[in-house]
Amino acid sequence: MEPDIVPPTVDAIRRWSGVEPPNAAALHGLADMAHLIADIERARAGLAFEDEPSGFEAALLDLKEPG
């Protein structure tokens, strides 16, 4: 069963570009988008850049090239 995101995405692709997904692999890729969006939403929920600016500065210093 395909995720709910697939039919409206196929419809949007059809309206914007005038093409249909070319094959089953393309539809499978669209179905994976639902998982990707959920993963990104979970990651965003844990991000709090403003809460830890010193952590960002420490990361920059750790990655600084020597010299």
Protein backbone atom coordinates (compact mmCIF):
# COMPACT_ATOMS: atom_id res chain seq x y z
CA MET A 1 0.00 0.00 0.00
CA GLU A 2 1.39 3.37 -0.96
CA PRO A 3 1.59 6.26 1.50
CA ASP A 4 -0.99 9.04 1.32
CA ILE A 5 1.64 11.42 -0.08
CA VAL A 6 2.01 9.56 -3.40
CA PRO A 7 -1.26 10.38 -5.25
CA PRO A 8 -1.18 14.16 -4.59
CA THR A 9 2.53 14.26 -5.44
CA VAL A 10 1.94 12.43 -8.73
CA ASP A 11 -0.88 14.86 -9.45
CA ALA A 12 1.34 17.86 -8.67
CA ILE A 13 4.10 16.50 -10.94
CA ARG A 14 1.55 15.99 -13.71
CA ARG A 15 0.22 19.56 -13.35
CA TRP A 16 3.59 21.31 -13.06
CA SER A 17 5.59 19.38 -15.63
CA GLY A 18 3.04 17.46 -17.66
CA VAL A 19 4.71 14.07 -17.08
CA GLU A 20 3.72 10.89 -15.30
CA PRO A 21 6.15 8.94 -13.13
CA PRO A 22 8.05 6.82 -15.65
CA ASN A 23 8.01 3.46 -13.85
CA ALA A 24 7.53 1.53 -10.63
CA ALA A 25 10.92 2.68 -9.33
CA ALA A 26 9.79 6.31 -9.57
CA LEU A 27 6.62 5.54 -7.61
CA HIS A 28 8.69 3.67 -5.02
CA GLY A 29 10.92 6.74 -4.70
CA LEU A 30 7.88 8.91 -4.08
CA ALA A 31 6.70 6.48 -1.42
CA ASP A 32 10.10 6.81 0.29
CA MET A 33 9.53 10.58 0.49
CA ALA A 34 6.97 10.04 3.25
CA HIS A 35 9.65 8.37 5.39
CA LEU A 36 12.19 11.07 4.56
CA ILE A 37 9.76 13.85 5.52
CA ALA A 38 8.96 12.09 8.81
CA ASP A 39 12.68 11.71 9.57
CA ILE A 40 13.32 15.38 8.86
CA GLU A 41 10.38 16.42 11.06
CA ARG A 42 11.77 14.30 13.93
CA ALA A 43 15.21 15.86 13.47
CA ARG A 44 13.75 19.37 13.43
CA ALA A 45 11.95 18.70 16.70
CA GLY A 46 15.29 18.00 18.37
CA LEU A 47 17.11 21.01 16.96
CA ALA A 48 17.48 24.05 19.13
CA PHE A 49 20.29 26.15 17.70
CA GLU A 50 19.36 29.18 19.78
CA ASP A 51 19.49 27.13 23.00
CA GLU A 52 23.10 26.01 22.49
CA PRO A 53 25.11 28.60 20.55
CA SER A 54 28.25 27.64 22.47
CA GLY A 55 27.89 24.09 21.12
CA PHE A 56 27.96 25.48 17.60
CA GLU A 57 31.04 27.53 18.36
CA ALA A 58 32.76 24.48 19.87
CA ALA A 59 31.95 22.47 16.75
CA LEU A 60 33.46 25.19 14.57
CA LEU A 61 36.62 25.17 16.64
CA ASP A 62 36.84 21.35 16.46
CA LEU A 63 36.62 21.49 12.66
CA LYS A 64 39.03 24.40 12.24
CA GLU A 65 41.97 23.57 10.01
CA PRO A 66 45.36 23.86 11.67
CA GLY A 67 47.56 26.73 10.73
